[in-house]
N, C-alpha and C. Protein backbone atom coordinates (compact mmCIF):
# COMPACT_ATOMS: atom_id res chain seq x y z
N MET A 1 -26.45 -19.34 -51.25
CA MET A 1 -27.77 -18.19 -51.05
C MET A 1 -28.69 -18.11 -51.68
N LYS A 2 -30.09 -17.92 -51.39
CA LYS A 2 -31.27 -18.34 -51.70
C LYS A 2 -31.39 -16.85 -52.43
N ARG A 3 -32.10 -16.93 -53.46
CA ARG A 3 -32.87 -15.82 -54.50
C ARG A 3 -34.10 -15.41 -53.43
N PRO A 4 -34.39 -13.96 -53.08
CA PRO A 4 -35.43 -13.12 -52.77
C PRO A 4 -36.63 -13.89 -53.01
N SER A 5 -37.56 -14.02 -52.27
CA SER A 5 -38.59 -14.22 -52.64
C SER A 5 -39.59 -12.88 -53.64
N GLU A 6 -40.66 -13.92 -54.29
CA GLU A 6 -41.62 -12.41 -55.02
C GLU A 6 -42.14 -11.51 -54.09
N LYS A 7 -42.41 -12.18 -52.84
CA LYS A 7 -43.07 -11.09 -51.88
C LYS A 7 -42.26 -9.84 -51.17
N HIS A 8 -41.09 -10.34 -51.03
CA HIS A 8 -40.17 -9.43 -50.57
C HIS A 8 -39.59 -8.22 -51.75
N THR A 9 -39.56 -8.65 -53.14
CA THR A 9 -39.37 -8.27 -53.93
C THR A 9 -40.38 -6.82 -54.62
N ASP A 10 -41.74 -7.40 -54.46
CA ASP A 10 -43.22 -6.51 -54.41
C ASP A 10 -42.86 -5.54 -53.40
N LEU A 11 -42.55 -5.99 -51.93
CA LEU A 11 -42.26 -5.20 -50.86
C LEU A 11 -41.96 -4.28 -51.20
N LEU A 12 -40.18 -4.39 -51.40
CA LEU A 12 -39.48 -3.57 -51.63
C LEU A 12 -39.96 -2.14 -53.10
N LYS A 13 -40.69 -2.47 -53.73
CA LYS A 13 -40.88 -1.36 -54.78
C LYS A 13 -41.73 -0.66 -54.10
N ASP A 14 -42.67 -1.17 -52.93
CA ASP A 14 -43.61 -0.12 -52.54
C ASP A 14 -43.28 0.87 -51.58
N LEU A 15 -42.06 0.04 -50.82
CA LEU A 15 -41.62 1.22 -49.80
C LEU A 15 -40.59 2.19 -50.07
N GLN A 16 -40.44 3.12 -49.35
CA GLN A 16 -39.36 3.90 -49.55
C GLN A 16 -38.39 4.00 -48.29
N ALA A 17 -38.32 3.77 -47.46
CA ALA A 17 -37.55 3.80 -46.53
C ALA A 17 -37.12 2.02 -46.16
N LEU A 18 -35.95 2.01 -46.35
CA LEU A 18 -35.03 0.56 -45.98
C LEU A 18 -33.84 0.98 -45.12
N SER A 19 -33.42 -0.10 -44.53
CA SER A 19 -32.57 -0.43 -44.07
C SER A 19 -31.49 -1.06 -44.92
N ILE A 20 -30.17 -0.74 -44.91
CA ILE A 20 -29.00 -1.37 -45.45
C ILE A 20 -28.49 -2.31 -44.78
N ILE A 21 -28.81 -3.99 -44.28
CA ILE A 21 -27.69 -4.50 -43.43
C ILE A 21 -26.66 -5.45 -44.28
N THR A 22 -25.73 -5.13 -43.85
CA THR A 22 -24.09 -5.78 -44.03
C THR A 22 -24.00 -7.08 -43.06
N ILE A 23 -24.03 -8.17 -43.19
CA ILE A 23 -23.59 -9.36 -42.13
C ILE A 23 -22.29 -9.70 -42.39
N GLU A 24 -21.58 -10.26 -42.02
CA GLU A 24 -20.36 -10.86 -42.12
C GLU A 24 -20.60 -12.08 -42.13
N ARG A 25 -20.60 -12.94 -43.09
CA ARG A 25 -20.79 -14.53 -42.88
C ARG A 25 -19.74 -15.04 -43.31
N PHE A 26 -19.75 -16.54 -42.64
CA PHE A 26 -18.47 -17.34 -42.79
C PHE A 26 -19.29 -18.91 -42.27
N ASP A 27 -18.74 -19.86 -43.11
CA ASP A 27 -18.91 -20.94 -42.67
C ASP A 27 -17.41 -21.81 -42.92
N PRO A 28 -16.97 -21.96 -41.64
CA PRO A 28 -15.53 -22.71 -41.52
C PRO A 28 -15.63 -23.85 -42.73
N VAL A 29 -16.36 -24.81 -42.49
CA VAL A 29 -16.35 -26.10 -43.72
C VAL A 29 -16.19 -25.68 -44.85
N TYR A 30 -16.47 -24.35 -45.27
CA TYR A 30 -16.54 -24.12 -46.67
C TYR A 30 -15.82 -23.14 -47.26
N MET A 31 -15.40 -22.20 -46.33
CA MET A 31 -14.82 -20.85 -46.71
C MET A 31 -13.37 -20.73 -46.20
N LYS A 32 -12.21 -20.04 -46.40
CA LYS A 32 -11.32 -19.50 -45.80
C LYS A 32 -11.49 -18.66 -44.77
N ARG A 33 -12.04 -17.69 -45.55
CA ARG A 33 -12.68 -16.19 -44.69
C ARG A 33 -13.71 -16.02 -44.90
N PRO A 34 -14.00 -14.92 -43.92
CA PRO A 34 -15.67 -14.25 -43.90
C PRO A 34 -15.99 -13.40 -45.00
N VAL A 35 -17.15 -13.49 -45.50
CA VAL A 35 -17.46 -12.16 -46.66
C VAL A 35 -18.34 -11.77 -46.12
N LYS A 36 -18.24 -10.33 -46.67
CA LYS A 36 -19.66 -9.53 -46.48
C LYS A 36 -20.85 -9.60 -47.17
N GLN A 37 -22.06 -9.77 -47.00
CA GLN A 37 -23.08 -9.80 -47.48
C GLN A 37 -23.98 -8.68 -47.34
N THR A 38 -24.84 -7.89 -48.04
CA THR A 38 -25.41 -6.71 -47.95
C THR A 38 -27.26 -7.46 -48.18
N TYR A 39 -28.03 -7.00 -47.78
CA TYR A 39 -29.08 -7.16 -47.91
C TYR A 39 -30.28 -5.51 -47.60
N GLU A 40 -31.17 -5.53 -48.20
CA GLU A 40 -31.82 -4.51 -48.01
C GLU A 40 -33.46 -5.14 -47.16
N VAL A 41 -33.82 -4.43 -46.27
CA VAL A 41 -35.00 -4.63 -45.72
C VAL A 41 -35.45 -3.35 -45.02
N PRO A 42 -36.93 -3.92 -44.81
CA PRO A 42 -37.94 -2.65 -44.62
C PRO A 42 -37.67 -2.18 -43.35
N LEU A 43 -37.53 -0.87 -43.08
CA LEU A 43 -37.12 0.08 -42.37
C LEU A 43 -39.01 0.75 -41.45
N GLU A 44 -39.11 -0.16 -40.18
CA GLU A 44 -40.16 0.08 -39.51
C GLU A 44 -39.69 0.71 -38.74
N LYS A 45 -41.11 1.32 -38.15
CA LYS A 45 -40.65 1.98 -36.77
C LYS A 45 -41.04 0.82 -35.54
N GLY A 46 -39.99 0.63 -34.49
CA GLY A 46 -40.25 -0.38 -33.23
C GLY A 46 -39.81 -1.57 -34.09
N TYR A 47 -38.94 -1.98 -35.14
CA TYR A 47 -38.68 -3.00 -35.58
C TYR A 47 -36.80 -3.18 -35.05
N THR A 48 -36.66 -4.41 -34.70
CA THR A 48 -35.53 -4.52 -34.02
C THR A 48 -34.69 -5.36 -35.10
N VAL A 49 -33.05 -5.72 -34.78
CA VAL A 49 -32.13 -5.95 -35.43
C VAL A 49 -32.92 -7.54 -35.74
N MET A 50 -33.35 -8.53 -34.52
CA MET A 50 -34.04 -9.33 -34.69
C MET A 50 -35.28 -9.47 -35.69
N ASP A 51 -35.55 -8.92 -35.59
CA ASP A 51 -36.83 -8.33 -36.67
C ASP A 51 -36.58 -8.50 -38.11
N ALA A 52 -35.17 -7.61 -38.29
CA ALA A 52 -34.72 -7.80 -39.30
C ALA A 52 -33.94 -9.01 -40.26
N MET A 53 -33.21 -9.42 -38.88
CA MET A 53 -32.58 -11.30 -39.50
C MET A 53 -33.63 -11.82 -39.69
N ASP A 54 -34.60 -11.69 -38.99
CA ASP A 54 -35.72 -12.83 -39.32
C ASP A 54 -36.03 -12.59 -40.59
N TYR A 55 -36.69 -11.25 -40.90
CA TYR A 55 -37.08 -10.84 -42.10
C TYR A 55 -36.13 -11.81 -43.22
N ILE A 56 -34.80 -11.02 -43.48
CA ILE A 56 -34.00 -11.82 -44.19
C ILE A 56 -33.58 -13.13 -43.97
N TYR A 57 -33.88 -13.76 -43.05
CA TYR A 57 -34.10 -15.55 -43.43
C TYR A 57 -35.11 -16.03 -44.22
N GLN A 58 -36.32 -15.32 -43.22
CA GLN A 58 -37.69 -15.86 -44.52
C GLN A 58 -38.29 -15.52 -45.75
N HIS A 59 -37.58 -14.18 -46.04
CA HIS A 59 -37.93 -13.36 -47.32
C HIS A 59 -36.54 -13.62 -48.42
N ILE A 60 -35.40 -13.46 -47.73
CA ILE A 60 -34.32 -13.28 -48.66
C ILE A 60 -33.49 -14.37 -48.94
N ASP A 61 -33.14 -14.84 -47.78
CA ASP A 61 -32.35 -15.76 -47.65
C ASP A 61 -32.15 -16.63 -46.49
N GLY A 62 -32.69 -17.76 -46.69
CA GLY A 62 -32.76 -18.90 -45.43
C GLY A 62 -31.96 -19.59 -45.03
N SER A 63 -30.57 -19.34 -45.32
CA SER A 63 -29.40 -20.02 -45.52
C SER A 63 -28.91 -18.78 -44.02
N LEU A 64 -29.06 -17.97 -44.00
CA LEU A 64 -28.31 -17.01 -42.81
C LEU A 64 -28.32 -17.80 -41.23
N ALA A 65 -27.58 -18.04 -40.47
CA ALA A 65 -27.62 -18.63 -39.62
C ALA A 65 -27.18 -17.59 -38.21
N PHE A 66 -28.48 -17.57 -37.32
CA PHE A 66 -28.32 -17.00 -36.28
C PHE A 66 -28.93 -17.55 -35.03
N ARG A 67 -28.89 -17.25 -33.54
CA ARG A 67 -29.37 -17.74 -32.57
C ARG A 67 -30.29 -16.49 -31.88
N ARG A 68 -31.38 -17.30 -31.73
CA ARG A 68 -32.71 -16.91 -31.12
C ARG A 68 -33.25 -17.52 -29.71
N SER A 69 -33.39 -16.97 -28.91
CA SER A 69 -33.82 -17.79 -27.73
C SER A 69 -35.00 -16.77 -26.86
N CYS A 70 -35.77 -15.94 -27.44
CA CYS A 70 -36.19 -14.81 -26.64
C CYS A 70 -37.35 -15.70 -26.15
N ARG A 71 -37.96 -15.32 -24.93
CA ARG A 71 -39.25 -16.01 -24.25
C ARG A 71 -38.81 -17.09 -23.96
N CYS A 72 -37.72 -17.59 -24.02
CA CYS A 72 -37.19 -18.82 -23.46
C CYS A 72 -36.27 -19.06 -22.14
N GLY A 73 -35.65 -18.37 -21.99
CA GLY A 73 -35.40 -17.88 -20.37
C GLY A 73 -33.39 -18.23 -20.87
N LEU A 74 -33.32 -17.82 -22.22
CA LEU A 74 -31.88 -17.92 -22.30
C LEU A 74 -31.22 -16.08 -22.62
N CYS A 75 -31.61 -15.62 -22.10
CA CYS A 75 -31.30 -14.11 -22.40
C CYS A 75 -29.67 -14.05 -22.65
N TYR A 76 -29.31 -13.18 -23.99
CA TYR A 76 -27.86 -13.05 -24.55
C TYR A 76 -27.13 -14.27 -25.02
N VAL A 77 -28.23 -15.15 -25.34
CA VAL A 77 -27.27 -16.33 -26.15
C VAL A 77 -27.58 -15.68 -27.84
N CYS A 78 -28.61 -14.86 -27.55
CA CYS A 78 -28.21 -14.22 -29.18
C CYS A 78 -27.45 -12.74 -29.71
N ARG A 79 -26.72 -12.81 -28.46
CA ARG A 79 -25.58 -11.47 -28.54
C ARG A 79 -24.56 -11.90 -29.85
N ILE A 80 -24.56 -10.52 -30.69
CA ILE A 80 -23.52 -10.53 -32.16
C ILE A 80 -23.25 -8.85 -31.96
N ARG A 81 -22.32 -8.89 -32.32
CA ARG A 81 -21.48 -7.51 -32.89
C ARG A 81 -22.80 -6.51 -33.38
N ILE A 82 -23.06 -5.40 -33.03
CA ILE A 82 -24.01 -4.28 -34.08
C ILE A 82 -23.15 -3.41 -34.26
N ASN A 83 -22.85 -3.36 -35.56
CA ASN A 83 -22.00 -1.79 -35.72
C ASN A 83 -20.53 -1.89 -34.65
N GLY A 84 -20.06 -2.97 -34.64
CA GLY A 84 -19.01 -3.30 -33.82
C GLY A 84 -18.77 -3.41 -32.41
N LYS A 85 -20.16 -3.48 -31.74
CA LYS A 85 -20.40 -3.44 -30.07
C LYS A 85 -21.23 -4.87 -30.00
N ALA A 86 -20.85 -5.53 -28.95
CA ALA A 86 -21.64 -6.38 -28.55
C ALA A 86 -23.10 -6.14 -27.99
N ARG A 87 -24.16 -6.63 -28.77
CA ARG A 87 -25.63 -6.46 -28.31
C ARG A 87 -26.01 -7.42 -28.72
N CYS A 88 -27.38 -7.04 -28.13
CA CYS A 88 -28.49 -8.38 -28.21
C CYS A 88 -29.48 -7.28 -29.11
N PRO A 89 -29.45 -8.72 -30.90
CA PRO A 89 -30.20 -7.85 -31.72
C PRO A 89 -31.95 -7.62 -31.07
N CYS A 90 -32.21 -8.77 -30.17
CA CYS A 90 -33.72 -8.23 -29.83
C CYS A 90 -34.04 -7.16 -29.29
N LYS A 91 -32.79 -7.03 -28.59
CA LYS A 91 -32.79 -5.23 -27.44
C LYS A 91 -32.72 -3.93 -28.61
N THR A 92 -31.95 -4.29 -29.79
CA THR A 92 -31.57 -3.42 -30.33
C THR A 92 -32.56 -2.55 -31.62
N TYR A 93 -32.89 -1.84 -31.84
CA TYR A 93 -33.69 -1.25 -32.75
C TYR A 93 -32.86 -0.54 -33.98
N ILE A 94 -33.68 -0.72 -35.22
CA ILE A 94 -32.89 -1.52 -36.52
C ILE A 94 -32.65 0.30 -37.02
N GLN A 95 -31.68 0.55 -37.35
CA GLN A 95 -31.18 1.87 -37.99
C GLN A 95 -31.36 1.78 -39.60
N ASP A 96 -30.82 3.34 -40.23
CA ASP A 96 -30.49 3.05 -41.63
C ASP A 96 -29.52 2.18 -42.22
N LYS A 97 -28.91 1.88 -41.81
CA LYS A 97 -27.05 1.28 -41.88
C LYS A 97 -26.68 0.36 -40.82
N ILE A 98 -26.67 -0.85 -41.04
CA ILE A 98 -26.23 -1.47 -39.64
C ILE A 98 -25.33 -2.85 -40.27
N PHE A 99 -23.90 -3.04 -39.56
CA PHE A 99 -23.26 -4.10 -39.80
C PHE A 99 -23.30 -5.05 -38.88
N LEU A 100 -23.49 -6.43 -39.07
CA LEU A 100 -23.38 -7.68 -38.38
C LEU A 100 -22.55 -8.41 -38.50
N ALA A 101 -22.26 -8.61 -37.08
CA ALA A 101 -20.84 -9.80 -37.19
C ALA A 101 -21.09 -10.83 -35.80
N PRO A 102 -20.16 -11.71 -36.21
CA PRO A 102 -20.29 -12.26 -34.72
C PRO A 102 -19.59 -11.71 -33.67
N LEU A 103 -19.80 -12.43 -32.42
CA LEU A 103 -18.89 -11.76 -31.59
C LEU A 103 -17.27 -12.09 -31.38
N SER A 104 -16.64 -11.25 -30.89
CA SER A 104 -14.95 -11.29 -31.18
C SER A 104 -14.86 -12.28 -30.08
N GLY A 105 -13.74 -13.03 -30.65
CA GLY A 105 -13.16 -13.76 -29.39
C GLY A 105 -13.47 -15.28 -29.18
N LYS A 106 -14.53 -15.55 -30.18
CA LYS A 106 -15.39 -16.59 -30.09
C LYS A 106 -15.11 -17.58 -31.32
N LYS A 107 -15.35 -18.68 -31.44
CA LYS A 107 -15.03 -19.87 -32.42
C LYS A 107 -16.33 -19.53 -32.83
N VAL A 108 -16.11 -19.45 -34.72
CA VAL A 108 -17.49 -19.28 -35.29
C VAL A 108 -17.99 -20.53 -35.71
N ILE A 109 -19.40 -20.59 -35.40
CA ILE A 109 -19.69 -22.05 -36.09
C ILE A 109 -20.33 -21.74 -37.68
N ARG A 110 -21.14 -20.71 -37.69
CA ARG A 110 -21.51 -20.49 -39.08
C ARG A 110 -22.50 -19.19 -38.67
N ASP A 111 -21.64 -18.31 -39.55
CA ASP A 111 -22.34 -16.83 -39.93
C ASP A 111 -22.52 -16.03 -38.45
N LEU A 112 -23.34 -16.04 -37.87
CA LEU A 112 -23.51 -15.20 -36.70
C LEU A 112 -23.29 -15.91 -35.26
N VAL A 113 -23.23 -17.43 -35.53
CA VAL A 113 -23.39 -18.39 -34.48
C VAL A 113 -22.18 -18.57 -34.15
N VAL A 114 -21.94 -18.64 -32.66
CA VAL A 114 -20.62 -18.64 -32.00
C VAL A 114 -20.57 -19.60 -31.36
N GLU A 115 -19.58 -20.45 -30.72
CA GLU A 115 -19.53 -21.41 -29.88
C GLU A 115 -19.82 -20.83 -28.14
N LEU A 116 -20.72 -21.55 -27.54
CA LEU A 116 -20.76 -20.76 -26.33
C LEU A 116 -19.93 -21.49 -25.02
N ASP A 117 -19.86 -20.95 -24.19
CA ASP A 117 -18.94 -21.14 -23.26
C ASP A 117 -19.24 -22.21 -22.33
C-alpha cells in the first residue's frame, strides 16, 4: 500500500467535508482472506463512487485495482457492491460513509476486480 501524496494531505487539511470509504481488498496470490482498508476522500457535490476510487488510486494508493469502462460501450463491467448492493460506481453518488466490495459469487482477481463470465 502506497503513502498518500503531499497534495492529498494538504487538500484534506483545507476540507471540512470528507467521505469515509472502506474497501474490501484481496489479492489471492498473497492473501488468505480479504482485509478492509479505509480511506478519506473529499466529499464534493456531484462526486460519484468512481470519482472517489479514481481519487484514491491517483492520490492515496495506486495499488487499488478496479475496472473502469465508461465511454467504451462496456456498461456494467465496473459493477461492484456498494453498501451491500450491486451497483455501478460511475452512476452512484458518493455519501458520507461507503463500503465497497467485489461482486458476490464471482472469483476475485484482485480487490474490486472479478472474473467476467
